[in-house]
Amino acid sequence: MIDPWLTTNPKTPEQYKKLEALGKVDLILVTHGHADHYGDTPALAKMNNAPVWAPAGLAQSMQVLGVLPVAQANRMNKSGNIMPFGPGGVRITMTHAEHSSELVWRNPDSGKDELHVGGEPCGFLIEFEGGFKLWHLGDTGVYGDMKLLSEMYRPDLLLIPIGGGQFVMNPGDAAMATRELIKPKMALPMHYGTNPFLVGTPEEYIKALGNAPVKVLAIKPGESVEF
């Protein structure tokens, strides 16, 4: 699971608002500390006794606050990798993202929200058995080293935010980054429509891509795609 925000997400299909419906979760990756990404991470990790890998500062806050035990809240930094993970030998590398990251934690003793270190935001490059590579950009704006990272890892599938507003890339910027900097075989637009500020749409992204040779997978919540 990457950034599991499900139970309070307005776009989550009703059957998946119950975390038990997800089945066994082996690993949770978190790109940053904002509530619409960190979300159900603690509950899902405890339910499955699954390890969480997150930006070092965010994982450290989870440890210190007692959100998760040290064995589950794993610290990671950009360019660091988990290799291999699981029986298939999956390799996971943390990449850069241009965003922010704060952890808002509800103190059970005072009942009040507190602001804690969320670490630096990130993305994840996941290399599967057989060579298929997925790059989840996390929440980000455009940055020049997208080109360098793409040349280093050559991702097959790109998960890219398109919502725009004051938070992430808009569809036009995302299309430019896809077409000119990253050049994946496939792209799956994400991070749009979950609040009134994220107004970008897959249709706008597809139009902005023009005739770029990228297959866009504009799937809806609850749908699946196979590779």
Protein backbone atom coordinates (compact mmCIF):
# COMPACT_ATOMS: atom_id res chain seq x y z
CA MET A 1 0.00 0.00 0.00
CA ILE A 2 1.15 3.52 -0.80
CA ASP A 3 -0.33 6.46 1.15
CA PRO A 4 -3.36 4.60 2.55
CA TRP A 5 -6.02 7.28 3.09
CA LEU A 6 -9.26 5.34 2.89
CA THR A 7 -11.72 5.61 5.76
CA THR A 8 -12.33 9.38 5.43
CA ASN A 9 -11.51 9.78 1.75
CA PRO A 10 -14.62 10.97 -0.13
CA LYS A 11 -13.54 9.04 -3.24
CA THR A 12 -13.11 5.67 -1.51
CA PRO A 13 -15.70 3.11 -2.63
CA GLU A 14 -17.89 2.19 0.33
CA GLN A 15 -16.66 -1.41 0.56
CA TYR A 16 -13.07 -0.26 1.07
CA LYS A 17 -13.84 2.13 3.91
CA LYS A 18 -13.55 -0.99 6.09
CA LEU A 19 -9.84 -1.73 6.21
CA GLU A 20 -10.49 -5.44 6.68
CA ALA A 21 -11.83 -5.54 3.12
CA LEU A 22 -8.36 -4.88 1.71
CA GLY A 23 -7.09 -8.33 2.63
CA LYS A 24 -3.50 -8.94 3.70
CA VAL A 25 -1.19 -5.94 3.51
CA ASP A 26 2.53 -6.81 3.58
CA LEU A 27 4.11 -3.36 3.33
CA ILE A 28 3.06 0.29 3.65
CA LEU A 29 4.92 3.17 2.01
CA VAL A 30 4.16 6.76 3.04
CA THR A 31 5.36 9.70 0.93
CA HIS A 32 4.79 12.45 3.54
CA GLY A 33 2.95 13.35 6.73
CA HIS A 34 -0.18 15.09 5.43
CA ALA A 35 -3.45 13.54 6.57
CA ASP A 36 -4.63 12.66 3.06
CA HIS A 37 -1.56 10.42 2.66
CA TYR A 38 -0.59 9.29 6.16
CA GLY A 39 -4.30 8.68 6.90
CA ASP A 40 -4.94 5.08 7.93
CA THR A 41 -1.29 4.06 8.10
CA PRO A 42 -1.16 3.28 11.86
CA ALA A 43 -4.41 1.31 11.89
CA LEU A 44 -3.51 -0.68 8.79
CA ALA A 45 0.00 -1.40 10.05
CA LYS A 46 -1.28 -2.68 13.39
CA MET A 47 -4.02 -4.76 11.78
CA ASN A 48 -1.53 -6.57 9.53
CA ASN A 49 1.63 -6.32 11.64
CA ALA A 50 3.07 -4.71 8.51
CA PRO A 51 6.23 -2.59 8.33
CA VAL A 52 5.91 1.08 7.40
CA TRP A 53 8.65 2.83 5.45
CA ALA A 54 8.47 6.62 5.46
CA PRO A 55 10.65 9.75 5.38
CA ALA A 56 13.06 9.55 8.31
CA GLY A 57 11.57 12.44 10.28
CA LEU A 58 8.03 11.14 9.94
CA ALA A 59 9.00 7.63 11.02
CA GLN A 60 10.96 9.07 13.93
CA SER A 61 7.92 11.05 15.09
CA MET A 62 5.80 7.91 14.90
CA GLN A 63 8.32 6.11 17.11
CA VAL A 64 8.69 8.89 19.69
CA LEU A 65 4.94 9.52 19.94
CA GLY A 66 4.23 5.81 20.35
CA VAL A 67 2.10 5.67 17.21
CA LEU A 68 3.93 2.52 16.10
CA PRO A 69 6.74 0.48 17.62
CA VAL A 70 10.27 1.03 16.32
CA ALA A 71 10.21 -2.30 14.48
CA GLN A 72 7.31 -1.11 12.32
CA ALA A 73 8.13 2.59 11.84
CA ASN A 74 11.16 2.40 9.55
CA ARG A 75 13.24 5.48 8.74
CA MET A 76 14.34 6.05 5.16
CA ASN A 77 16.06 8.83 3.18
CA LYS A 78 16.18 9.80 -0.48
CA SER A 79 18.30 7.43 -2.60
CA GLY A 80 18.04 4.86 0.18
CA ASN A 81 16.52 1.56 -0.84
CA ILE A 82 14.98 -1.62 0.47
CA MET A 83 16.51 -4.53 -1.44
CA PRO A 84 15.07 -7.02 -1.72
CA PHE A 85 11.64 -6.92 -0.06
CA GLY A 86 9.54 -10.07 0.01
CA PRO A 87 9.89 -13.39 -1.83
CA GLY A 88 9.75 -11.69 -5.26
CA GLY A 89 12.80 -9.58 -4.55
CA VAL A 90 11.09 -6.22 -4.97
CA ARG A 91 13.48 -3.25 -4.78
CA ILE A 92 12.16 0.07 -3.45
CA THR A 93 14.10 3.35 -3.76
CA MET A 94 13.06 6.65 -2.18
CA THR A 95 13.13 9.60 -4.58
CA HIS A 96 12.84 13.38 -4.35
CA ALA A 97 9.57 15.34 -4.26
CA GLU A 98 8.89 19.10 -4.17
CA HIS A 99 6.26 19.52 -1.46
CA SER A 100 5.92 19.90 2.31
CA SER A 101 5.36 17.42 5.13
CA GLU A 102 3.96 17.93 8.63
CA LEU A 103 2.41 15.43 10.99
CA VAL A 104 -0.70 16.56 12.87
CA TRP A 105 -1.17 14.19 15.83
CA ARG A 106 -4.12 14.09 18.20
CA ASN A 107 -2.75 13.85 21.76
CA PRO A 108 -4.90 11.25 23.55
CA ASP A 109 -4.27 12.86 26.94
CA SER A 110 -5.24 16.43 26.02
CA GLY A 111 -7.56 15.66 23.13
CA LYS A 112 -5.83 18.43 21.17
CA ASP A 113 -3.99 18.36 17.86
CA GLU A 114 -0.22 18.83 17.94
CA LEU A 115 2.15 19.60 15.06
CA HIS A 116 5.18 17.32 14.76
CA VAL A 117 8.09 16.70 12.39
CA GLY A 118 6.98 15.06 9.16
CA GLY A 119 10.33 14.63 7.46
CA GLU A 120 11.00 15.58 3.84
CA PRO A 121 8.39 14.57 1.24
CA CYS A 122 9.35 11.85 -1.20
CA GLY A 123 8.35 9.52 -3.98
CA PHE A 124 9.04 5.81 -4.42
CA LEU A 125 10.55 3.90 -7.34
CA ILE A 126 9.48 0.26 -7.17
CA GLU A 127 11.23 -2.40 -9.26
CA PHE A 128 9.34 -5.69 -9.47
CA GLU A 129 10.52 -9.17 -10.28
CA GLY A 130 10.84 -9.39 -14.04
CA GLY A 131 12.02 -5.80 -14.40
CA PHE A 132 8.75 -3.82 -14.38
CA LYS A 133 9.31 -0.40 -12.77
CA LEU A 134 6.70 1.84 -11.16
CA TRP A 135 7.45 5.40 -10.06
CA HIS A 136 5.03 6.94 -7.57
CA LEU A 137 5.97 10.63 -7.56
CA GLY A 138 4.17 11.45 -4.31
CA ASP A 139 2.84 14.99 -4.01
CA THR A 140 5.16 17.17 -6.04
CA GLY A 141 5.74 20.08 -8.34
CA VAL A 142 7.99 19.89 -11.39
CA TYR A 143 11.74 19.66 -10.76
CA GLY A 144 14.61 19.26 -13.20
CA ASP A 145 16.01 16.05 -11.71
CA MET A 146 12.89 14.20 -12.83
CA LYS A 147 14.85 13.81 -16.08
CA LEU A 148 17.94 12.48 -14.32
CA LEU A 149 15.96 9.99 -12.23
CA SER A 150 14.08 8.83 -15.30
CA GLU A 151 17.35 8.22 -17.14
CA MET A 152 18.68 6.32 -14.13
CA TYR A 153 15.65 4.08 -13.57
CA ARG A 154 13.58 4.21 -16.80
CA PRO A 155 10.15 3.69 -15.22
CA ASP A 156 7.48 1.80 -17.17
CA LEU A 157 4.56 3.23 -15.20
CA LEU A 158 4.34 6.71 -13.72
CA LEU A 159 1.87 7.65 -10.97
CA ILE A 160 1.64 11.44 -11.25
CA PRO A 161 -0.38 14.09 -9.36
CA ILE A 162 -2.48 16.37 -11.58
CA GLY A 163 -4.88 18.15 -9.20
CA GLY A 164 -3.24 21.58 -9.31
CA GLY A 165 -4.58 24.30 -7.05
CA GLN A 166 -2.08 25.40 -4.40
CA PHE A 167 -0.79 21.90 -3.66
CA VAL A 168 0.58 19.91 -6.62
CA MET A 169 1.16 20.08 -10.38
CA ASN A 170 -1.76 21.06 -12.57
CA PRO A 171 -2.56 18.89 -15.62
CA GLY A 172 -0.49 21.07 -17.99
CA ASP A 173 2.62 20.97 -15.80
CA ALA A 174 2.16 17.26 -15.18
CA ALA A 175 1.84 16.62 -18.91
CA MET A 176 5.04 18.59 -19.63
CA ALA A 177 6.93 16.63 -16.96
CA THR A 178 5.58 13.36 -18.37
CA ARG A 179 6.30 14.20 -22.00
CA GLU A 180 9.60 16.09 -21.76
CA LEU A 181 11.33 14.89 -18.59
CA ILE A 182 10.22 11.39 -17.60
CA LYS A 183 8.92 9.77 -20.81
CA PRO A 184 7.33 6.62 -19.29
CA LYS A 185 5.47 4.02 -21.29
CA MET A 186 2.33 4.50 -19.18
CA ALA A 187 1.00 7.12 -16.79
CA LEU A 188 -1.70 6.94 -14.15
CA PRO A 189 -2.98 10.38 -13.05
CA MET A 190 -3.69 10.76 -9.32
CA HIS A 191 -4.28 13.27 -6.52
CA TYR A 192 -7.28 15.07 -7.97
CA GLY A 193 -10.92 15.54 -7.02
CA THR A 194 -10.66 14.70 -3.30
CA ASN A 195 -11.10 18.30 -2.18
CA PRO A 196 -12.40 21.50 -3.84
CA PHE A 197 -8.88 22.78 -4.56
CA LEU A 198 -7.74 19.78 -6.62
CA VAL A 199 -9.61 20.75 -9.78
CA GLY A 200 -7.38 19.13 -12.43
CA THR A 201 -8.87 16.21 -14.38
CA PRO A 202 -7.49 13.26 -16.36
CA GLU A 203 -9.17 14.66 -19.48
CA GLU A 204 -7.15 17.89 -19.15
CA TYR A 205 -3.98 15.88 -18.59
CA ILE A 206 -4.60 13.72 -21.66
CA LYS A 207 -5.33 16.79 -23.81
CA ALA A 208 -2.15 18.52 -22.59
CA LEU A 209 -0.05 15.45 -23.44
CA GLY A 210 -0.97 15.91 -27.09
CA ASN A 211 0.53 13.20 -29.28
CA ALA A 212 3.09 12.05 -26.72
CA PRO A 213 3.58 8.24 -26.94
CA VAL A 214 2.32 7.63 -23.40
CA LYS A 215 -0.59 5.35 -22.56
CA VAL A 216 -2.76 7.05 -19.92
CA LEU A 217 -4.57 4.81 -17.45
CA ALA A 218 -7.37 7.03 -16.13
CA ILE A 219 -8.83 4.46 -13.76
CA LYS A 220 -11.47 5.28 -11.15
CA PRO A 221 -11.44 4.40 -7.44
CA GLY A 222 -12.16 0.72 -6.98
CA GLU A 223 -11.01 -0.25 -10.49
CA SER A 224 -7.89 -2.28 -11.18
CA VAL A 225 -5.42 -2.66 -14.01
CA GLU A 226 -3.00 -5.50 -14.75
CA PHE A 227 0.45 -5.44 -16.36
